[in-house]
Structure formats: structure tokens, C-alpha cells
Amino acid sequence: MCPACVSVAALAAAGSDLIDSLAARSEISGYHLLHAVRARLLQQLGRTGEARAAYQAALAAVAPEPERRLLERRLRELPPDD
């Protein structure tokens, strides 16, 4: 694996861990952008099923239409679960 790929994967994993710790705090657990970021990081890590669930959680919490369309598009672009 190329060094840049390893760096991206390491950053995505670290970011995912950070987001998970933030999600454990009840005051922000329903914030749609938290779920959207988590979904994107999981997608980069190849964890498709978890990414799909995180995108769905973001959609359940989002109201603004432009953000909803972006999340729906990213959800459609996910490959099938492993």
C-alpha cells in the first residue's frame, strides 16, 4: 500500500474514533453533521454497512433540503454491503 494511502487510512481511523467518542456525549448525539462525518470516515475505511447506518442516522436528524440531498446522494453511491 502506498504511504499516502496508509496516511489517509490512519487519519480516517483516528477521525472515526474521535467522532465515536463525541457521539457518546448525549448532548450532541442527535446532531446530523456528526453522523454525516462519521459516515464519510467509515466509507473511507471501507466499512460500508456502518457507513450506510450513519448516513441514515444523519438523514433522520437533518432538516435543510440541500444537506438532505447531499446525504441521500452519498447513501446511493455506497457499494453494496460486504
N, C-alpha and C. Protein backbone atom coordinates (compact mmCIF):
# COMPACT_ATOMS: atom_id res chain seq x y z
N MET A 1 0.86 -1.18 0.00
CA MET A 1 0.00 0.00 0.00
C MET A 1 0.90 1.24 0.00
N CYS A 2 0.51 2.23 -0.76
CA CYS A 2 1.32 3.45 -0.85
C CYS A 2 1.30 4.23 0.47
N PRO A 3 2.40 4.96 0.76
CA PRO A 3 2.46 5.72 2.02
C PRO A 3 1.30 6.71 2.19
N ALA A 4 0.91 7.36 1.11
CA ALA A 4 -0.20 8.31 1.21
C ALA A 4 -1.50 7.60 1.56
N CYS A 5 -1.70 6.41 1.01
CA CYS A 5 -2.92 5.64 1.31
C CYS A 5 -2.95 5.23 2.78
N VAL A 6 -1.79 4.84 3.29
CA VAL A 6 -1.69 4.46 4.70
C VAL A 6 -2.01 5.67 5.57
N SER A 7 -1.51 6.84 5.19
CA SER A 7 -1.77 8.06 5.96
C SER A 7 -3.25 8.40 5.96
N VAL A 8 -3.89 8.30 4.80
CA VAL A 8 -5.32 8.60 4.71
C VAL A 8 -6.12 7.62 5.57
N ALA A 9 -5.78 6.35 5.50
CA ALA A 9 -6.48 5.34 6.29
C ALA A 9 -6.27 5.59 7.79
N ALA A 10 -5.06 5.95 8.18
CA ALA A 10 -4.78 6.21 9.60
C ALA A 10 -5.55 7.43 10.08
N LEU A 11 -5.61 8.46 9.26
CA LEU A 11 -6.36 9.66 9.63
C LEU A 11 -7.85 9.36 9.72
N ALA A 12 -8.37 8.59 8.78
CA ALA A 12 -9.79 8.23 8.81
C ALA A 12 -10.11 7.41 10.05
N ALA A 13 -9.23 6.49 10.41
CA ALA A 13 -9.45 5.67 11.61
C ALA A 13 -9.41 6.53 12.87
N ALA A 14 -8.45 7.44 12.94
CA ALA A 14 -8.36 8.32 14.11
C ALA A 14 -9.57 9.24 14.18
N GLY A 15 -9.98 9.76 13.03
CA GLY A 15 -11.16 10.62 12.99
C GLY A 15 -12.41 9.87 13.40
N SER A 16 -12.53 8.64 12.96
CA SER A 16 -13.68 7.82 13.32
C SER A 16 -13.73 7.58 14.82
N ASP A 17 -12.58 7.30 15.41
CA ASP A 17 -12.52 7.11 16.87
C ASP A 17 -12.94 8.38 17.61
N LEU A 18 -12.48 9.52 17.12
CA LEU A 18 -12.83 10.80 17.75
C LEU A 18 -14.33 11.06 17.64
N ILE A 19 -14.89 10.83 16.46
CA ILE A 19 -16.33 11.03 16.25
C ILE A 19 -17.13 10.09 17.15
N ASP A 20 -16.68 8.84 17.28
CA ASP A 20 -17.38 7.90 18.15
C ASP A 20 -17.38 8.39 19.60
N SER A 21 -16.27 8.96 20.04
CA SER A 21 -16.23 9.46 21.42
C SER A 21 -17.13 10.68 21.58
N LEU A 22 -17.21 11.51 20.55
CA LEU A 22 -18.13 12.65 20.60
C LEU A 22 -19.58 12.19 20.59
N ALA A 23 -19.87 11.16 19.81
CA ALA A 23 -21.25 10.66 19.70
C ALA A 23 -21.73 10.08 21.03
N ALA A 24 -20.79 9.64 21.85
CA ALA A 24 -21.17 9.08 23.15
C ALA A 24 -21.69 10.16 24.09
N ARG A 25 -21.43 11.43 23.78
CA ARG A 25 -21.93 12.53 24.60
C ARG A 25 -23.36 12.83 24.17
N SER A 26 -24.29 12.62 25.04
CA SER A 26 -25.71 12.70 24.69
C SER A 26 -26.13 14.06 24.14
N GLU A 27 -25.47 15.14 24.54
CA GLU A 27 -25.91 16.46 24.09
C GLU A 27 -25.70 16.69 22.60
N ILE A 28 -24.84 15.94 21.95
CA ILE A 28 -24.65 16.12 20.51
C ILE A 28 -24.91 14.85 19.71
N SER A 29 -25.40 13.82 20.34
CA SER A 29 -25.59 12.54 19.66
C SER A 29 -26.62 12.62 18.52
N GLY A 30 -27.53 13.58 18.56
CA GLY A 30 -28.53 13.72 17.51
C GLY A 30 -28.18 14.73 16.44
N TYR A 31 -26.97 15.28 16.49
CA TYR A 31 -26.55 16.30 15.53
C TYR A 31 -26.24 15.64 14.19
N HIS A 32 -26.94 16.03 13.14
CA HIS A 32 -26.83 15.34 11.86
C HIS A 32 -25.43 15.39 11.26
N LEU A 33 -24.70 16.49 11.46
CA LEU A 33 -23.36 16.57 10.87
C LEU A 33 -22.39 15.60 11.54
N LEU A 34 -22.59 15.30 12.80
CA LEU A 34 -21.77 14.31 13.47
C LEU A 34 -21.92 12.96 12.77
N HIS A 35 -23.15 12.58 12.48
CA HIS A 35 -23.40 11.31 11.79
C HIS A 35 -22.90 11.33 10.35
N ALA A 36 -23.03 12.49 9.70
CA ALA A 36 -22.56 12.60 8.32
C ALA A 36 -21.04 12.46 8.23
N VAL A 37 -20.32 13.09 9.14
CA VAL A 37 -18.86 12.97 9.16
C VAL A 37 -18.46 11.54 9.48
N ARG A 38 -19.13 10.95 10.44
CA ARG A 38 -18.83 9.57 10.81
C ARG A 38 -19.06 8.65 9.61
N ALA A 39 -20.14 8.87 8.88
CA ALA A 39 -20.43 8.06 7.70
C ALA A 39 -19.33 8.18 6.65
N ARG A 40 -18.89 9.39 6.40
CA ARG A 40 -17.85 9.61 5.40
C ARG A 40 -16.54 8.92 5.80
N LEU A 41 -16.17 9.03 7.06
CA LEU A 41 -14.94 8.37 7.53
C LEU A 41 -15.07 6.85 7.44
N LEU A 42 -16.21 6.31 7.83
CA LEU A 42 -16.42 4.87 7.73
C LEU A 42 -16.38 4.42 6.27
N GLN A 43 -16.93 5.23 5.39
CA GLN A 43 -16.89 4.93 3.97
C GLN A 43 -15.44 4.86 3.48
N GLN A 44 -14.62 5.80 3.90
CA GLN A 44 -13.21 5.80 3.51
C GLN A 44 -12.47 4.58 4.06
N LEU A 45 -12.93 4.06 5.18
CA LEU A 45 -12.31 2.88 5.78
C LEU A 45 -12.85 1.58 5.18
N GLY A 46 -13.83 1.70 4.27
CA GLY A 46 -14.41 0.51 3.64
C GLY A 46 -15.43 -0.20 4.51
N ARG A 47 -15.89 0.44 5.53
CA ARG A 47 -16.88 -0.14 6.44
C ARG A 47 -18.28 0.30 5.98
N THR A 48 -18.69 -0.27 4.85
CA THR A 48 -19.88 0.16 4.13
C THR A 48 -21.17 0.05 4.94
N GLY A 49 -21.36 -1.06 5.61
CA GLY A 49 -22.59 -1.24 6.39
C GLY A 49 -22.73 -0.21 7.48
N GLU A 50 -21.63 0.07 8.18
CA GLU A 50 -21.66 1.08 9.23
C GLU A 50 -21.84 2.47 8.64
N ALA A 51 -21.23 2.70 7.48
CA ALA A 51 -21.37 4.00 6.81
C ALA A 51 -22.83 4.22 6.41
N ARG A 52 -23.45 3.18 5.89
CA ARG A 52 -24.86 3.28 5.48
C ARG A 52 -25.74 3.64 6.69
N ALA A 53 -25.51 2.98 7.82
CA ALA A 53 -26.30 3.26 9.02
C ALA A 53 -26.06 4.69 9.51
N ALA A 54 -24.83 5.16 9.41
CA ALA A 54 -24.52 6.53 9.85
C ALA A 54 -25.17 7.55 8.92
N TYR A 55 -25.15 7.29 7.60
CA TYR A 55 -25.84 8.20 6.67
C TYR A 55 -27.34 8.22 6.96
N GLN A 56 -27.91 7.07 7.26
CA GLN A 56 -29.34 7.01 7.58
C GLN A 56 -29.65 7.76 8.87
N ALA A 57 -28.76 7.68 9.85
CA ALA A 57 -28.94 8.44 11.10
C ALA A 57 -28.86 9.93 10.82
N ALA A 58 -27.95 10.33 9.96
CA ALA A 58 -27.82 11.75 9.60
C ALA A 58 -29.09 12.23 8.89
N LEU A 59 -29.61 11.42 7.99
CA LEU A 59 -30.83 11.79 7.27
C LEU A 59 -32.01 11.90 8.22
N ALA A 60 -32.06 11.04 9.22
CA ALA A 60 -33.17 11.08 10.18
C ALA A 60 -33.13 12.35 11.02
N ALA A 61 -31.95 12.95 11.16
CA ALA A 61 -31.80 14.13 12.01
C ALA A 61 -31.72 15.44 11.24
N VAL A 62 -31.63 15.40 9.92
CA VAL A 62 -31.41 16.61 9.13
C VAL A 62 -32.73 17.22 8.64
N ALA A 63 -32.77 18.51 8.57
CA ALA A 63 -33.94 19.20 8.06
C ALA A 63 -33.64 19.97 6.76
N PRO A 64 -32.53 20.71 6.67
CA PRO A 64 -32.29 21.52 5.47
C PRO A 64 -32.23 20.66 4.20
N GLU A 65 -32.99 21.03 3.20
CA GLU A 65 -33.09 20.25 1.97
C GLU A 65 -31.76 20.06 1.24
N PRO A 66 -30.91 21.08 1.11
CA PRO A 66 -29.64 20.85 0.42
C PRO A 66 -28.77 19.78 1.10
N GLU A 67 -28.75 19.78 2.41
CA GLU A 67 -27.97 18.78 3.14
C GLU A 67 -28.61 17.40 2.98
N ARG A 68 -29.92 17.36 2.98
CA ARG A 68 -30.63 16.09 2.80
C ARG A 68 -30.29 15.49 1.43
N ARG A 69 -30.29 16.31 0.39
CA ARG A 69 -29.96 15.82 -0.95
C ARG A 69 -28.54 15.28 -1.02
N LEU A 70 -27.59 15.97 -0.39
CA LEU A 70 -26.21 15.51 -0.39
C LEU A 70 -26.10 14.16 0.31
N LEU A 71 -26.72 14.03 1.47
CA LEU A 71 -26.66 12.77 2.20
C LEU A 71 -27.34 11.63 1.44
N GLU A 72 -28.45 11.92 0.80
CA GLU A 72 -29.14 10.90 0.01
C GLU A 72 -28.27 10.45 -1.16
N ARG A 73 -27.57 11.40 -1.80
CA ARG A 73 -26.68 11.06 -2.92
C ARG A 73 -25.53 10.19 -2.44
N ARG A 74 -24.92 10.56 -1.32
CA ARG A 74 -23.80 9.76 -0.80
C ARG A 74 -24.27 8.37 -0.39
N LEU A 75 -25.44 8.27 0.13
CA LEU A 75 -26.00 6.96 0.51
C LEU A 75 -26.20 6.09 -0.74
N ARG A 76 -26.73 6.68 -1.81
CA ARG A 76 -26.92 5.95 -3.07
C ARG A 76 -25.60 5.50 -3.66
N GLU A 77 -24.54 6.27 -3.48
CA GLU A 77 -23.24 5.97 -4.07
C GLU A 77 -22.47 4.87 -3.34
N LEU A 78 -22.93 4.47 -2.16
CA LEU A 78 -22.24 3.41 -1.42
C LEU A 78 -22.36 2.10 -2.18
N PRO A 79 -21.28 1.32 -2.20
CA PRO A 79 -21.40 -0.01 -2.80
C PRO A 79 -22.24 -0.92 -1.91
N PRO A 80 -22.67 -2.05 -2.41
CA PRO A 80 -23.43 -2.99 -1.56
C PRO A 80 -22.60 -3.40 -0.34
N ASP A 81 -23.28 -3.76 0.73
CA ASP A 81 -22.59 -4.21 1.94
C ASP A 81 -21.74 -5.43 1.64
N ASP A 82 -20.69 -5.59 2.44
CA ASP A 82 -19.78 -6.72 2.27
C ASP A 82 -20.46 -8.03 2.50
